[in-house]
Amino acid sequence: MIARFTPEVAWLAHSILATMRERYPTAIELVYDNYNALAIGFGATERPSQAIFSVAIFPKWVSLFFLHAQGLPDPDKLLQGEGKVARHIRLLSPARLDELSVKKLMQEATARAAIPFAPKGSPRVIIKSISAKQRPRRPGTDATAPPGGGGRARKKP
């Protein structure tokens, strides 16, 4: 799925995901190939509502979403967005994850999680959905369905 992005964005995404997997080796990764972005949630269970982070890959950048950001201390004003629940940091380099202020936010988010990451165990990747219609994954290209005509968009109730 990441190969459909430009080489630069794909490299950035792979680097960020490698760091996330190193920090949270027992995380369950929930993959959503949505209309706007490819999103990979990191949580302790298969329930999307219990994911702590999400790495969202867009055509020109990658963002780290804090999925329970309400009340999360952000003294350096790093979190972007107006969401009452989820907010994000745009990651223009994998080194951003190593900045002290970002690490502190991530540590606080994991400390506040309703269900923490398991201390032992094996990681799992679960493909949750692939939208039939998607925005282009590379700037300046037409939107297409996933390769092979793949999945269906999930309908909201």
C-alpha atoms as a PDB file:
ATOM      1  CA  MET A   1       0.000   0.000   0.000  1.00  0.00           C
ATOM      2  CA  ILE A   2       2.839   2.395   0.799  1.00  0.00           C
ATOM      3  CA  ALA A   3       4.455   1.739  -2.599  1.00  0.00           C
ATOM      4  CA  ARG A   4       1.694   3.781  -4.272  1.00  0.00           C
ATOM      5  CA  PHE A   5       3.086   6.978  -2.712  1.00  0.00           C
ATOM      6  CA  THR A   6       6.061   8.931  -4.052  1.00  0.00           C
ATOM      7  CA  PRO A   7       9.453   7.441  -3.142  1.00  0.00           C
ATOM      8  CA  GLU A   8      10.087  10.310  -0.711  1.00  0.00           C
ATOM      9  CA  VAL A   9       6.805   9.875   1.164  1.00  0.00           C
ATOM     10  CA  ALA A  10       7.158   6.074   1.096  1.00  0.00           C
ATOM     11  CA  TRP A  11      10.654   6.326   2.622  1.00  0.00           C
ATOM     12  CA  LEU A  12       9.384   8.717   5.299  1.00  0.00           C
ATOM     13  CA  ALA A  13       6.441   6.427   6.098  1.00  0.00           C
ATOM     14  CA  HIS A  14       8.635   3.315   6.331  1.00  0.00           C
ATOM     15  CA  SER A  15      11.107   5.148   8.593  1.00  0.00           C
ATOM     16  CA  ILE A  16       8.378   6.426  10.900  1.00  0.00           C
ATOM     17  CA  LEU A  17       6.685   3.029  11.072  1.00  0.00           C
ATOM     18  CA  ALA A  18      10.025   1.386  11.897  1.00  0.00           C
ATOM     19  CA  THR A  19      10.467   3.767  14.840  1.00  0.00           C
ATOM     20  CA  MET A  20       6.898   3.195  16.033  1.00  0.00           C
ATOM     21  CA  ARG A  21       7.381  -0.580  15.854  1.00  0.00           C
ATOM     22  CA  GLU A  22      10.624  -0.302  17.803  1.00  0.00           C
ATOM     23  CA  ARG A  23       8.981   1.782  20.541  1.00  0.00           C
ATOM     24  CA  TYR A  24       5.789  -0.265  20.711  1.00  0.00           C
ATOM     25  CA  PRO A  25       6.832  -3.805  19.769  1.00  0.00           C
ATOM     26  CA  THR A  26       3.646  -5.436  21.074  1.00  0.00           C
ATOM     27  CA  ALA A  27       1.239  -3.001  19.417  1.00  0.00           C
ATOM     28  CA  ILE A  28      -1.581  -4.238  17.254  1.00  0.00           C
ATOM     29  CA  GLU A  29      -1.515  -2.269  14.007  1.00  0.00           C
ATOM     30  CA  LEU A  30      -4.891  -1.499  12.467  1.00  0.00           C
ATOM     31  CA  VAL A  31      -4.614  -0.543   8.790  1.00  0.00           C
ATOM     32  CA  TYR A  32      -7.192   1.622   7.031  1.00  0.00           C
ATOM     33  CA  ASP A  33      -6.594   2.440   3.369  1.00  0.00           C
ATOM     34  CA  ASN A  34      -9.133   5.265   3.388  1.00  0.00           C
ATOM     35  CA  TYR A  35     -10.314   7.837   0.890  1.00  0.00           C
ATOM     36  CA  ASN A  36      -7.956  10.580   2.131  1.00  0.00           C
ATOM     37  CA  ALA A  37      -4.974   8.665   3.515  1.00  0.00           C
ATOM     38  CA  LEU A  38      -3.430   5.367   4.479  1.00  0.00           C
ATOM     39  CA  ALA A  39      -3.733   5.191   8.267  1.00  0.00           C
ATOM     40  CA  ILE A  40      -2.058   2.716  10.594  1.00  0.00           C
ATOM     41  CA  GLY A  41      -3.369   2.762  14.156  1.00  0.00           C
ATOM     42  CA  PHE A  42      -1.274   1.524  17.091  1.00  0.00           C
ATOM     43  CA  GLY A  43      -3.114   0.091  20.067  1.00  0.00           C
ATOM     44  CA  ALA A  44      -3.176  -2.701  22.614  1.00  0.00           C
ATOM     45  CA  THR A  45      -6.348  -4.327  21.273  1.00  0.00           C
ATOM     46  CA  GLU A  46      -8.164  -4.840  17.972  1.00  0.00           C
ATOM     47  CA  ARG A  47     -10.691  -2.161  18.921  1.00  0.00           C
ATOM     48  CA  PRO A  48     -10.088   1.045  16.939  1.00  0.00           C
ATOM     49  CA  SER A  49     -11.464   3.154  19.799  1.00  0.00           C
ATOM     50  CA  GLN A  50      -8.623   1.913  22.005  1.00  0.00           C
ATOM     51  CA  ALA A  51      -5.800   2.817  19.616  1.00  0.00           C
ATOM     52  CA  ILE A  52      -3.414   5.368  21.082  1.00  0.00           C
ATOM     53  CA  PHE A  53      -1.694   6.606  17.930  1.00  0.00           C
ATOM     54  CA  SER A  54      -2.236   6.589  14.209  1.00  0.00           C
ATOM     55  CA  VAL A  55       0.330   7.212  11.506  1.00  0.00           C
ATOM     56  CA  ALA A  56      -1.504   8.778   8.572  1.00  0.00           C
ATOM     57  CA  ILE A  57       0.221   8.832   5.199  1.00  0.00           C
ATOM     58  CA  PHE A  58      -0.920  11.553   2.818  1.00  0.00           C
ATOM     59  CA  PRO A  59       0.377  12.272  -0.713  1.00  0.00           C
ATOM     60  CA  LYS A  60       2.791  14.991   0.488  1.00  0.00           C
ATOM     61  CA  TRP A  61       3.445  14.252   4.174  1.00  0.00           C
ATOM     62  CA  VAL A  62       3.012  11.908   7.119  1.00  0.00           C
ATOM     63  CA  SER A  63       1.285  12.820  10.370  1.00  0.00           C
ATOM     64  CA  LEU A  64       1.280  11.240  13.808  1.00  0.00           C
ATOM     65  CA  PHE A  65      -2.185  11.394  15.329  1.00  0.00           C
ATOM     66  CA  PHE A  66      -2.776  11.289  19.060  1.00  0.00           C
ATOM     67  CA  LEU A  67      -6.190   9.654  19.149  1.00  0.00           C
ATOM     68  CA  HIS A  68      -7.057  10.690  22.719  1.00  0.00           C
ATOM     69  CA  ALA A  69      -5.496  14.146  22.779  1.00  0.00           C
ATOM     70  CA  GLN A  70      -8.161  15.839  24.863  1.00  0.00           C
ATOM     71  CA  GLY A  71      -6.440  17.076  28.027  1.00  0.00           C
ATOM     72  CA  LEU A  72      -3.009  15.935  26.849  1.00  0.00           C
ATOM     73  CA  PRO A  73      -0.433  18.457  28.142  1.00  0.00           C
ATOM     74  CA  ASP A  74       1.176  20.237  25.204  1.00  0.00           C
ATOM     75  CA  PRO A  75       3.387  22.983  26.651  1.00  0.00           C
ATOM     76  CA  ASP A  76       5.331  23.357  23.404  1.00  0.00           C
ATOM     77  CA  LYS A  77       2.108  23.716  21.349  1.00  0.00           C
ATOM     78  CA  LEU A  78       3.050  20.906  18.955  1.00  0.00           C
ATOM     79  CA  LEU A  79      -0.400  19.431  18.419  1.00  0.00           C
ATOM     80  CA  GLN A  80      -2.217  20.677  15.353  1.00  0.00           C
ATOM     81  CA  GLY A  81      -5.881  20.566  14.482  1.00  0.00           C
ATOM     82  CA  GLU A  82      -9.062  21.639  16.157  1.00  0.00           C
ATOM     83  CA  GLY A  83     -10.349  18.188  17.086  1.00  0.00           C
ATOM     84  CA  LYS A  84     -11.767  17.695  20.551  1.00  0.00           C
ATOM     85  CA  VAL A  85     -10.471  14.128  20.609  1.00  0.00           C
ATOM     86  CA  ALA A  86      -7.734  13.571  18.003  1.00  0.00           C
ATOM     87  CA  ARG A  87      -4.932  15.990  17.134  1.00  0.00           C
ATOM     88  CA  HIS A  88      -1.732  15.511  15.170  1.00  0.00           C
ATOM     89  CA  ILE A  89       1.863  16.444  14.509  1.00  0.00           C
ATOM     90  CA  ARG A  90       3.101  16.624  10.939  1.00  0.00           C
ATOM     91  CA  LEU A  91       6.291  14.599  10.583  1.00  0.00           C
ATOM     92  CA  LEU A  92       8.540  16.002   7.862  1.00  0.00           C
ATOM     93  CA  SER A  93      11.419  13.824   9.061  1.00  0.00           C
ATOM     94  CA  PRO A  94      11.649  10.594  11.080  1.00  0.00           C
ATOM     95  CA  ALA A  95      13.951  12.491  13.460  1.00  0.00           C
ATOM     96  CA  ARG A  96      10.912  14.450  14.669  1.00  0.00           C
ATOM     97  CA  LEU A  97       9.874  11.382  16.685  1.00  0.00           C
ATOM     98  CA  ASP A  98      13.157  11.655  18.613  1.00  0.00           C
ATOM     99  CA  GLU A  99      12.618  15.250  19.710  1.00  0.00           C
ATOM    100  CA  LEU A 100      12.223  15.435  23.483  1.00  0.00           C
ATOM    101  CA  SER A 101       8.929  17.334  23.332  1.00  0.00           C
ATOM    102  CA  VAL A 102       7.412  14.752  20.946  1.00  0.00           C
ATOM    103  CA  LYS A 103       8.698  11.860  23.058  1.00  0.00           C
ATOM    104  CA  LYS A 104       7.121  13.425  26.158  1.00  0.00           C
ATOM    105  CA  LEU A 105       3.767  13.757  24.386  1.00  0.00           C
ATOM    106  CA  MET A 106       3.948  10.132  23.295  1.00  0.00           C
ATOM    107  CA  GLN A 107       4.910   8.955  26.788  1.00  0.00           C
ATOM    108  CA  GLU A 108       2.034  10.893  28.317  1.00  0.00           C
ATOM    109  CA  ALA A 109      -0.408   9.512  25.724  1.00  0.00           C
ATOM    110  CA  THR A 110       0.652   5.936  26.470  1.00  0.00           C
ATOM    111  CA  ALA A 111       0.499   6.553  30.232  1.00  0.00           C
ATOM    112  CA  ARG A 112      -3.093   7.805  29.899  1.00  0.00           C
ATOM    113  CA  ALA A 113      -4.255   4.951  27.663  1.00  0.00           C
ATOM    114  CA  ALA A 114      -7.260   3.030  28.956  1.00  0.00           C
ATOM    115  CA  ILE A 115      -5.525  -0.193  27.943  1.00  0.00           C
ATOM    116  CA  PRO A 116      -1.717  -0.029  27.858  1.00  0.00           C
ATOM    117  CA  PHE A 117       0.510  -1.849  25.404  1.00  0.00           C
ATOM    118  CA  ALA A 118       1.324  -5.365  26.589  1.00  0.00           C
ATOM    119  CA  PRO A 119       4.795  -5.726  28.143  1.00  0.00           C
ATOM    120  CA  LYS A 120       5.329  -8.971  26.217  1.00  0.00           C
ATOM    121  CA  GLY A 121       3.886 -10.442  23.074  1.00  0.00           C
ATOM    122  CA  SER A 122       4.042 -10.372  19.329  1.00  0.00           C
ATOM    123  CA  PRO A 123       2.932  -7.532  17.108  1.00  0.00           C
ATOM    124  CA  ARG A 124       0.057  -8.064  14.696  1.00  0.00           C
ATOM    125  CA  VAL A 125      -1.097  -6.202  11.612  1.00  0.00           C
ATOM    126  CA  ILE A 126      -4.811  -6.246  10.810  1.00  0.00           C
ATOM    127  CA  ILE A 127      -6.204  -4.811   7.572  1.00  0.00           C
ATOM    128  CA  LYS A 128      -9.463  -3.240   8.736  1.00  0.00           C
ATOM    129  CA  SER A 129     -10.664  -1.625   5.517  1.00  0.00           C
ATOM    130  CA  ILE A 130      -9.720  -0.634   1.994  1.00  0.00           C
ATOM    131  CA  SER A 131     -11.897   2.042   0.417  1.00  0.00           C
ATOM    132  CA  ALA A 132     -12.958   1.422  -3.172  1.00  0.00           C
ATOM    133  CA  LYS A 133     -12.632   5.139  -3.949  1.00  0.00           C
ATOM    134  CA  GLN A 134      -9.489   6.973  -2.919  1.00  0.00           C
ATOM    135  CA  ARG A 135      -7.844  10.285  -3.549  1.00  0.00           C
ATOM    136  CA  PRO A 136      -4.608  10.069  -5.534  1.00  0.00           C
ATOM    137  CA  ARG A 137      -1.665   8.791  -3.494  1.00  0.00           C
ATOM    138  CA  ARG A 138       0.780  10.815  -5.606  1.00  0.00           C
ATOM    139  CA  PRO A 139       0.358  14.540  -6.240  1.00  0.00           C
ATOM    140  CA  GLY A 140      -0.859  15.340  -9.741  1.00  0.00           C
ATOM    141  CA  THR A 141      -2.397  11.934 -10.515  1.00  0.00           C
ATOM    142  CA  ASP A 142      -5.982  10.790 -10.944  1.00  0.00           C
ATOM    143  CA  ALA A 143      -7.804   8.999  -8.166  1.00  0.00           C
ATOM    144  CA  THR A 144      -8.100   5.277  -8.687  1.00  0.00           C
ATOM    145  CA  ALA A 145      -9.431   2.287  -6.859  1.00  0.00           C
ATOM    146  CA  PRO A 146      -6.942   0.110  -4.998  1.00  0.00           C
ATOM    147  CA  PRO A 147      -4.892  -2.211  -7.198  1.00  0.00           C
ATOM    148  CA  GLY A 148      -6.911  -5.219  -8.318  1.00  0.00           C
ATOM    149  CA  GLY A 149     -10.209  -3.442  -7.736  1.00  0.00           C
ATOM    150  CA  GLY A 150      -9.941  -4.556  -4.079  1.00  0.00           C
ATOM    151  CA  GLY A 151     -12.199  -3.705  -1.244  1.00  0.00           C
ATOM    152  CA  ARG A 152     -15.338  -1.826  -0.596  1.00  0.00           C
ATOM    153  CA  ALA A 153     -15.837   1.361   1.288  1.00  0.00           C
ATOM    154  CA  ARG A 154     -17.540   0.781   4.611  1.00  0.00           C
ATOM    155  CA  LYS A 155     -20.937   2.392   4.834  1.00  0.00           C
ATOM    156  CA  LYS A 156     -21.724   4.444   7.865  1.00  0.00           C
ATOM    157  CA  PRO A 157     -24.955   3.542   9.649  1.00  0.00           C
END
